[in-house]
Amino acid sequence: MFLMFNEKTEQLAKKLGLEIMFPSAELRTFMDNKVNTNRIAEKAGVACVPYVLSKVEGYKHLCEVSETLGTDLVIQTPFGDSGHTTFFISNEEEYSKHEEEIEAEEEVKVMKRINCRGSAIEACVTRHGTIVAPLMTELVGFKELTPYKGGWCGNEIYPDAFTPALRRKARKYTQLFGNQLRQEGYKGYFELDFLIDQDNGEIYLGEPNPRVTGASSITNHAVFALADAPLYLFHILEWMDADYDLSVKAINDRWARQENVDSWSQMVIKHTKNTIEYVTEAPQSGIWRMFDNGHIKFDRMDTHRRAVESENEAFFLRIATKGDYFYEGADMGILVARGRMMTDDFQLTDQAKSWIDAIRSKYSSDLVEDKREKPDLIGSLTK
């Protein structure tokens, strides 16, 4: 089992007599392509934000191909991590900042820009149908967490986060998309990002992630999963070719009940400055406690987020450790806590900001010389 893998990984696994428990790297790459996403969605009958797929040869050409979408646009290249290749374009000056990346692609997705909020849902394609977990909110583009304007930086799951109508539509779209994935030759775990238009209440597909994702710990440790079975278990059953029966409808109905959803949040804390820094000290993974003055102290080691006992505690999973390098967008760590990290109007809570500041304060790093003088280092880090 791998989070990410490629053809070389497959070759090595085969040499060892092992089977990777996921569709082929070739198929996953095809599904990961943001341009292909919309083509699959069209076949599945899942709504997307108004868009065109085209090669772009300059700002004038962009205006021509996107004439029906207006002048406030979002452009996505086929591949990119957590908003790194999502560009917000409303004039030629903004376009010129990213023209090299945009024009290098054979085809990009150009979308009408909408006033939206992000959400996420995880699911599993099985021989019996598509099992769907509850819809989660997404933290997107917070400058305290990520340098990328459209960058994913966390999730929340809590009862009644969305209207019943939105939850039903998201569940329906996810089942349709999952059923189409099976027709494309895919089975197992996947995640969909949905965009909820704040002006008209419509919900649109953002993009799929054909894998276990950064949101999977939230899904698989929630009350509904512990009471029934983790979503990941159905992935294992499917790939182990176990003989099993289940009612997808019964599971989806149980998991849709809001009384079976408890409240958790996670924040992915990135290095947001455009610098390269050598990490000299890093906080350890485990349970941290926050005091009334905003200071935090390591309390105890634990590897399960449910060991967090109150909203004054959080589980921190360290990613960047002593001896690593920070660079723009580098992951520092993931913080998981009970309760919410956003307000009802989708702003970070004061508690969330205090946790971010406190975790950052536990890191120490030395600035590396001008990054332009370190091409080899930059290359190795960004790969």
Protein backbone atom coordinates (compact mmCIF):
# COMPACT_ATOMS: atom_id res chain seq x y z
CA MET A 1 0.00 0.00 0.00
CA PHE A 2 1.37 3.42 -0.96
CA LEU A 3 0.03 6.95 -0.77
CA MET A 4 1.83 7.92 -3.99
CA PHE A 5 3.65 5.64 -6.42
CA ASN A 6 4.72 5.44 -10.05
CA GLU A 7 5.68 2.87 -12.68
CA LYS A 8 9.08 2.34 -11.04
CA THR A 9 7.37 1.45 -7.75
CA GLU A 10 5.20 -1.05 -9.62
CA GLN A 11 8.26 -2.65 -11.22
CA LEU A 12 9.99 -3.03 -7.86
CA ALA A 13 6.86 -4.47 -6.22
CA LYS A 14 6.43 -6.99 -9.04
CA LYS A 15 10.07 -8.02 -8.71
CA LEU A 16 9.41 -8.78 -5.03
CA GLY A 17 6.25 -10.74 -5.84
CA LEU A 18 3.98 -8.07 -4.34
CA GLU A 19 0.74 -6.56 -5.61
CA ILE A 20 0.04 -2.86 -5.05
CA MET A 21 -3.46 -2.43 -3.61
CA PHE A 22 -4.51 0.35 -5.97
CA PRO A 23 -5.26 0.77 -9.68
CA SER A 24 -2.22 1.15 -11.91
CA ALA A 25 -0.07 4.27 -11.79
CA GLU A 26 -1.03 4.92 -15.41
CA LEU A 27 -4.76 4.92 -14.57
CA ARG A 28 -4.28 6.99 -11.43
CA THR A 29 -2.30 9.57 -13.40
CA PHE A 30 -5.09 9.73 -15.96
CA MET A 31 -7.67 10.26 -13.19
CA ASP A 32 -5.43 12.82 -11.47
CA ASN A 33 -5.35 15.00 -14.58
CA LYS A 34 -7.60 17.99 -13.83
CA VAL A 35 -8.56 18.24 -17.49
CA ASN A 36 -9.69 14.61 -17.58
CA THR A 37 -11.70 15.20 -14.40
CA ASN A 38 -14.30 17.20 -16.30
CA ARG A 39 -14.56 14.66 -19.09
CA ILE A 40 -15.26 11.89 -16.56
CA ALA A 41 -17.74 14.14 -14.72
CA GLU A 42 -19.63 14.82 -17.95
CA LYS A 43 -20.01 11.09 -18.59
CA ALA A 44 -21.15 10.56 -15.00
CA GLY A 45 -23.69 13.39 -15.07
CA VAL A 46 -21.92 15.38 -12.33
CA ALA A 47 -22.09 19.19 -12.52
CA CYS A 48 -18.89 21.23 -12.94
CA VAL A 49 -18.28 24.98 -12.71
CA PRO A 50 -18.80 26.44 -16.24
CA TYR A 51 -15.53 25.78 -18.08
CA VAL A 52 -13.65 25.29 -21.32
CA LEU A 53 -10.72 22.97 -22.03
CA SER A 54 -8.16 24.48 -24.38
CA LYS A 55 -4.54 25.25 -25.08
CA VAL A 56 -3.81 28.88 -24.23
CA GLU A 57 -1.35 30.79 -26.43
CA GLY A 58 -1.52 34.21 -24.80
CA TYR A 59 -3.84 36.56 -22.92
CA LYS A 60 -5.71 37.60 -26.07
CA HIS A 61 -6.25 33.95 -26.97
CA LEU A 62 -7.43 33.23 -23.41
CA CYS A 63 -10.07 35.96 -23.72
CA GLU A 64 -11.25 34.44 -27.01
CA VAL A 65 -11.61 30.85 -25.79
CA SER A 66 -13.24 31.91 -22.50
CA GLU A 67 -15.60 34.52 -23.94
CA THR A 68 -18.69 32.81 -22.51
CA LEU A 69 -17.17 32.65 -19.00
CA GLY A 70 -16.62 36.38 -18.40
CA THR A 71 -13.36 38.07 -17.45
CA ASP A 72 -12.87 36.75 -13.91
CA LEU A 73 -11.30 33.34 -14.46
CA VAL A 74 -9.59 30.44 -12.73
CA ILE A 75 -7.04 28.41 -14.70
CA GLN A 76 -5.79 24.99 -13.67
CA THR A 77 -2.98 23.08 -15.31
CA PRO A 78 -3.43 19.28 -15.50
CA PHE A 79 -1.32 18.50 -12.43
CA GLY A 80 -0.47 20.36 -9.26
CA ASP A 81 -0.48 19.99 -5.48
CA SER A 82 -2.73 21.88 -3.06
CA GLY A 83 -3.44 24.92 -5.21
CA HIS A 84 0.12 25.37 -6.46
CA THR A 85 -1.00 25.37 -10.12
CA THR A 86 -4.37 27.07 -9.72
CA PHE A 87 -4.24 30.62 -11.08
CA PHE A 88 -6.77 33.42 -10.55
CA ILE A 89 -6.82 35.66 -13.62
CA SER A 90 -8.88 38.81 -14.16
CA ASN A 91 -6.50 40.95 -16.25
CA GLU A 92 -3.39 40.74 -18.40
CA GLU A 93 -1.06 41.68 -15.55
CA GLU A 94 -2.22 38.71 -13.47
CA TYR A 95 -1.93 36.46 -16.50
CA SER A 96 1.64 37.55 -17.22
CA LYS A 97 2.78 36.30 -13.79
CA HIS A 98 1.88 32.72 -14.77
CA GLU A 99 1.97 32.75 -18.56
CA GLU A 100 5.02 30.50 -18.82
CA GLU A 101 3.36 27.70 -16.82
CA ILE A 102 -0.01 28.09 -18.55
CA GLU A 103 1.31 28.22 -22.11
CA ALA A 104 3.63 25.25 -21.57
CA GLU A 105 0.61 22.92 -21.31
CA GLU A 106 -1.07 21.25 -24.27
CA GLU A 107 -4.43 21.84 -22.56
CA VAL A 108 -5.64 23.62 -19.44
CA LYS A 109 -8.96 23.97 -17.66
CA VAL A 110 -10.37 27.51 -17.73
CA MET A 111 -13.28 28.08 -15.34
CA LYS A 112 -15.61 30.89 -14.50
CA ARG A 113 -14.62 32.22 -11.10
CA ILE A 114 -17.38 31.76 -8.54
CA ASN A 115 -17.83 32.87 -4.95
CA CYS A 116 -17.40 29.44 -3.44
CA ARG A 117 -16.56 27.46 -0.34
CA GLY A 118 -14.64 24.23 -0.49
CA SER A 119 -15.83 20.87 0.76
CA ALA A 120 -14.55 17.32 0.54
CA ILE A 121 -16.02 13.84 0.58
CA GLU A 122 -14.34 10.44 0.57
CA ALA A 123 -15.73 7.25 -0.90
CA CYS A 124 -14.85 3.74 -2.01
CA VAL A 125 -15.73 2.03 -5.28
CA THR A 126 -16.73 -1.58 -4.54
CA ARG A 127 -18.29 -4.41 -6.56
CA HIS A 128 -21.54 -3.64 -4.71
CA GLY A 129 -21.55 0.08 -5.49
CA THR A 130 -19.96 3.26 -4.14
CA ILE A 131 -19.82 3.74 -0.36
CA VAL A 132 -19.85 7.44 0.60
CA ALA A 133 -18.64 9.08 3.82
CA PRO A 134 -20.07 12.37 5.18
CA LEU A 135 -19.28 15.70 3.52
CA MET A 136 -16.53 17.74 5.22
CA THR A 137 -15.66 21.42 5.08
CA GLU A 138 -12.26 22.40 3.69
CA LEU A 139 -9.80 25.00 4.85
CA VAL A 140 -8.51 26.71 1.71
CA GLY A 141 -6.03 29.51 1.08
CA PHE A 142 -5.54 30.78 4.64
CA LYS A 143 -2.34 32.83 4.59
CA GLU A 144 -1.56 31.66 8.13
CA LEU A 145 -1.30 28.09 6.83
CA THR A 146 -0.37 28.10 3.13
CA PRO A 147 1.30 30.44 0.60
CA TYR A 148 -1.12 29.33 -2.13
CA LYS A 149 -4.33 31.30 -2.68
CA GLY A 150 -6.30 28.20 -3.68
CA GLY A 151 -4.31 25.79 -1.53
CA TRP A 152 -5.98 23.12 0.61
CA CYS A 153 -4.84 23.37 4.23
CA GLY A 154 -7.24 21.31 6.35
CA ASN A 155 -10.70 19.94 7.00
CA GLU A 156 -13.52 19.96 9.51
CA ILE A 157 -16.19 17.35 10.11
CA TYR A 158 -19.13 18.17 12.37
CA PRO A 159 -22.90 17.62 12.51
CA ASP A 160 -25.12 19.77 10.27
CA ALA A 161 -22.16 21.42 8.55
CA PHE A 162 -24.26 21.58 5.37
CA THR A 163 -27.94 21.72 4.56
CA PRO A 164 -29.69 18.36 4.02
CA ALA A 165 -30.17 19.27 0.34
CA LEU A 166 -26.43 19.90 -0.18
CA ARG A 167 -25.51 16.68 1.61
CA ARG A 168 -27.91 14.67 -0.53
CA LYS A 169 -26.65 16.20 -3.76
CA ALA A 170 -22.98 15.70 -2.80
CA ARG A 171 -23.72 12.05 -1.92
CA LYS A 172 -25.58 11.52 -5.20
CA TYR A 173 -22.78 13.11 -7.26
CA THR A 174 -20.16 11.05 -5.45
CA GLN A 175 -22.01 7.81 -6.16
CA LEU A 176 -22.43 8.76 -9.82
CA PHE A 177 -18.74 9.66 -10.11
CA GLY A 178 -17.69 6.47 -8.31
CA ASN A 179 -19.85 4.33 -10.57
CA GLN A 180 -18.27 6.01 -13.60
CA LEU A 181 -14.80 5.37 -12.16
CA ARG A 182 -15.63 1.67 -12.01
CA GLN A 183 -16.57 1.78 -15.70
CA GLU A 184 -13.17 3.39 -16.34
CA GLY A 185 -11.48 0.43 -14.64
CA TYR A 186 -10.97 1.99 -11.19
CA LYS A 187 -11.85 0.44 -7.83
CA GLY A 188 -11.15 1.35 -4.22
CA TYR A 189 -10.65 4.54 -2.25
CA PHE A 190 -11.03 8.04 -3.69
CA GLU A 191 -11.89 11.59 -2.65
CA LEU A 192 -13.78 14.42 -4.35
CA ASP A 193 -13.49 18.15 -3.75
CA PHE A 194 -16.75 20.03 -4.20
CA LEU A 195 -17.23 23.78 -4.64
CA ILE A 196 -20.38 25.31 -3.13
CA ASP A 197 -21.47 28.51 -4.86
CA GLN A 198 -22.33 31.04 -2.15
CA ASP A 199 -24.43 33.12 -4.54
CA ASN A 200 -26.84 30.48 -5.82
CA GLY A 201 -26.32 27.48 -3.51
CA GLU A 202 -25.26 25.15 -6.33
CA ILE A 203 -22.62 22.48 -5.73
CA TYR A 204 -20.01 21.66 -8.37
CA LEU A 205 -17.25 19.10 -8.68
CA GLY A 206 -13.82 20.61 -8.07
CA GLU A 207 -11.41 17.71 -8.56
CA PRO A 208 -10.92 14.05 -7.64
CA ASN A 209 -8.03 12.51 -5.73
CA PRO A 210 -7.74 8.82 -6.72
CA ARG A 211 -6.05 7.67 -3.52
CA VAL A 212 -6.10 7.75 0.24
CA THR A 213 -5.73 11.48 1.01
CA GLY A 214 -4.82 14.05 3.62
CA ALA A 215 -8.44 14.01 4.79
CA SER A 216 -8.56 10.23 5.26
CA SER A 217 -7.61 10.24 8.93
CA ILE A 218 -10.61 12.46 9.67
CA THR A 219 -12.94 10.10 7.78
CA ASN A 220 -11.62 6.82 9.16
CA HIS A 221 -11.44 7.85 12.83
CA ALA A 222 -14.89 9.46 13.02
CA VAL A 223 -17.68 7.97 15.15
CA PHE A 224 -19.64 6.61 12.18
CA ALA A 225 -16.57 4.68 11.00
CA LEU A 226 -15.73 3.30 14.44
CA ALA A 227 -19.33 2.21 14.98
CA ASP A 228 -19.59 0.52 11.59
CA ALA A 229 -16.29 -0.01 9.76
CA PRO A 230 -13.61 2.39 8.50
CA LEU A 231 -14.01 3.30 4.84
CA TYR A 232 -10.46 2.05 4.29
CA LEU A 233 -11.56 -1.47 5.31
CA PHE A 234 -13.85 -1.67 2.27
CA HIS A 235 -10.88 -0.75 0.09
CA ILE A 236 -8.91 -3.63 1.61
CA LEU A 237 -11.80 -6.06 1.13
CA GLU A 238 -12.08 -5.09 -2.52
CA TRP A 239 -8.37 -5.53 -3.21
CA MET A 240 -7.95 -8.74 -1.19
CA ASP A 241 -10.68 -10.31 -3.35
CA ALA A 242 -12.55 -11.31 -0.20
CA ASP A 243 -15.99 -12.83 -0.66
CA TYR A 244 -18.30 -10.44 1.12
CA ASP A 245 -21.85 -9.11 0.94
CA LEU A 246 -23.13 -5.76 2.09
CA SER A 247 -25.89 -3.27 1.45
CA VAL A 248 -24.31 -0.09 0.13
CA LYS A 249 -27.65 1.70 0.60
CA ALA A 250 -27.88 0.70 4.27
CA ILE A 251 -24.31 1.87 4.98
CA ASN A 252 -24.75 5.15 3.10
CA ASP A 253 -28.02 5.81 4.92
CA ARG A 254 -26.40 5.21 8.33
CA TRP A 255 -23.41 7.35 7.52
CA ALA A 256 -25.66 10.17 6.33
CA ARG A 257 -27.31 10.48 9.76
CA GLN A 258 -25.96 13.55 11.52
CA GLU A 259 -26.22 11.94 14.98
CA ASN A 260 -23.45 9.57 13.82
CA VAL A 261 -21.05 12.46 13.09
CA ASP A 262 -18.78 13.95 15.77
CA SER A 263 -16.75 17.15 15.57
CA TRP A 264 -13.06 17.19 14.56
CA SER A 265 -10.70 19.51 12.68
CA GLN A 266 -7.26 19.30 11.16
CA MET A 267 -4.91 22.00 9.90
CA VAL A 268 -1.94 21.43 7.59
CA ILE A 269 0.69 23.98 8.58
CA LYS A 270 3.09 24.96 5.80
CA HIS A 271 6.13 27.21 5.59
CA THR A 272 4.58 30.31 4.04
CA LYS A 273 7.65 32.49 3.44
CA ASN A 274 9.57 32.52 0.15
CA THR A 275 12.78 31.48 1.87
CA ILE A 276 14.94 28.41 2.35
CA GLU A 277 15.74 27.66 5.98
CA TYR A 278 17.60 24.86 7.73
CA VAL A 279 15.54 23.39 10.59
CA THR A 280 17.49 23.30 13.86
CA GLU A 281 14.66 22.48 16.29
CA ALA A 282 11.23 20.89 15.75
CA PRO A 283 8.35 19.98 18.07
CA GLN A 284 7.74 16.28 18.61
CA SER A 285 4.65 14.39 17.54
CA GLY A 286 2.04 13.69 20.19
CA ILE A 287 -0.53 15.42 22.39
CA TRP A 288 0.07 19.10 23.18
CA ARG A 289 -1.84 21.17 25.72
CA MET A 290 -2.64 24.90 25.38
CA PHE A 291 -2.83 27.21 28.39
CA ASP A 292 -4.99 30.33 28.76
CA ASN A 293 -2.09 32.60 27.73
CA GLY A 294 -1.74 30.83 24.34
CA HIS A 295 1.44 28.95 25.23
CA ILE A 296 1.60 25.23 24.58
CA LYS A 297 3.44 22.36 26.25
CA PHE A 298 4.04 18.79 25.17
CA ASP A 299 1.83 16.64 27.39
CA ARG A 300 2.18 13.02 26.33
CA MET A 301 3.02 10.72 23.47
CA ASP A 302 0.14 9.09 21.65
CA THR A 303 -0.40 7.99 18.06
CA HIS A 304 -4.20 8.23 17.90
CA ARG A 305 -6.09 11.48 17.62
CA ARG A 306 -8.93 10.21 19.83
CA ALA A 307 -6.51 10.47 22.74
CA VAL A 308 -7.19 14.23 22.58
CA GLU A 309 -9.44 14.71 25.61
CA SER A 310 -10.56 18.34 25.39
CA GLU A 311 -10.54 21.40 23.14
CA ASN A 312 -7.46 22.65 25.02
CA GLU A 313 -5.48 19.73 23.59
CA ALA A 314 -4.44 18.81 20.07
CA PHE A 315 -2.52 16.03 18.37
CA PHE A 316 0.46 17.25 16.34
CA LEU A 317 2.00 15.08 13.62
CA ARG A 318 5.46 16.43 12.84
CA ILE A 319 6.49 16.35 9.19
CA ALA A 320 9.50 18.68 9.02
CA THR A 321 12.10 17.63 11.56
CA LYS A 322 15.56 18.73 12.66
CA GLY A 323 17.96 18.58 9.72
CA ASP A 324 15.27 19.20 7.10
CA TYR A 325 14.82 22.34 5.03
CA PHE A 326 11.91 24.76 4.87
CA TYR A 327 11.02 26.18 1.46
CA GLU A 328 7.89 27.92 0.25
CA GLY A 329 5.00 25.48 0.65
CA ALA A 330 6.94 22.88 2.66
CA ASP A 331 4.80 20.96 5.16
CA MET A 332 5.75 21.64 8.77
CA GLY A 333 3.14 19.39 10.37
CA ILE A 334 -0.53 18.55 10.84
CA LEU A 335 -2.57 19.58 13.87
CA VAL A 336 -5.72 17.61 14.76
CA ALA A 337 -8.16 18.85 17.40
CA ARG A 338 -11.67 18.36 18.71
CA GLY A 339 -14.23 20.95 17.66
CA ARG A 340 -13.99 23.48 14.88
CA MET A 341 -11.17 25.61 13.49
CA MET A 342 -13.39 27.90 11.39
CA THR A 343 -16.27 30.22 12.23
CA ASP A 344 -19.66 29.98 10.50
CA ASP A 345 -18.48 32.60 7.98
CA PHE A 346 -15.40 30.49 7.10
CA GLN A 347 -12.73 32.45 8.96
CA LEU A 348 -10.12 30.91 11.23
CA THR A 349 -11.14 30.96 14.88
CA ASP A 350 -8.96 32.75 17.44
CA GLN A 351 -8.19 29.34 18.93
CA ALA A 352 -6.98 28.08 15.54
CA LYS A 353 -4.72 31.11 15.09
CA SER A 354 -3.30 30.59 18.57
CA TRP A 355 -2.47 26.96 17.78
CA ILE A 356 -0.79 27.93 14.50
CA ASP A 357 1.36 30.60 16.18
CA ALA A 358 2.21 28.28 19.07
CA ILE A 359 3.32 25.39 16.83
CA ARG A 360 5.40 27.72 14.65
CA SER A 361 7.10 29.07 17.80
CA LYS A 362 8.34 25.57 18.59
CA TYR A 363 10.34 25.46 15.35
CA SER A 364 13.77 27.05 15.02
CA SER A 365 15.56 27.45 11.70
CA ASP A 366 18.50 29.23 10.11
CA LEU A 367 18.10 31.17 6.89
CA VAL A 368 20.07 29.70 3.99
CA GLU A 369 21.84 32.20 1.71
CA ASP A 370 20.10 33.70 -1.31
CA LYS A 371 18.16 30.82 -2.88
CA ARG A 372 19.24 31.97 -6.33
CA GLU A 373 22.73 30.90 -5.37
CA LYS A 374 21.49 27.42 -4.42
CA PRO A 375 20.04 25.92 -7.65
CA ASP A 376 20.97 22.32 -6.76
CA LEU A 377 19.33 22.60 -3.34
CA ILE A 378 16.16 24.16 -4.76
CA GLY A 379 15.90 21.46 -7.40
CA SER A 380 16.22 18.61 -4.94
CA LEU A 381 13.65 20.12 -2.57
CA THR A 382 10.95 20.86 -5.12
CA LYS A 383 11.19 17.41 -6.68
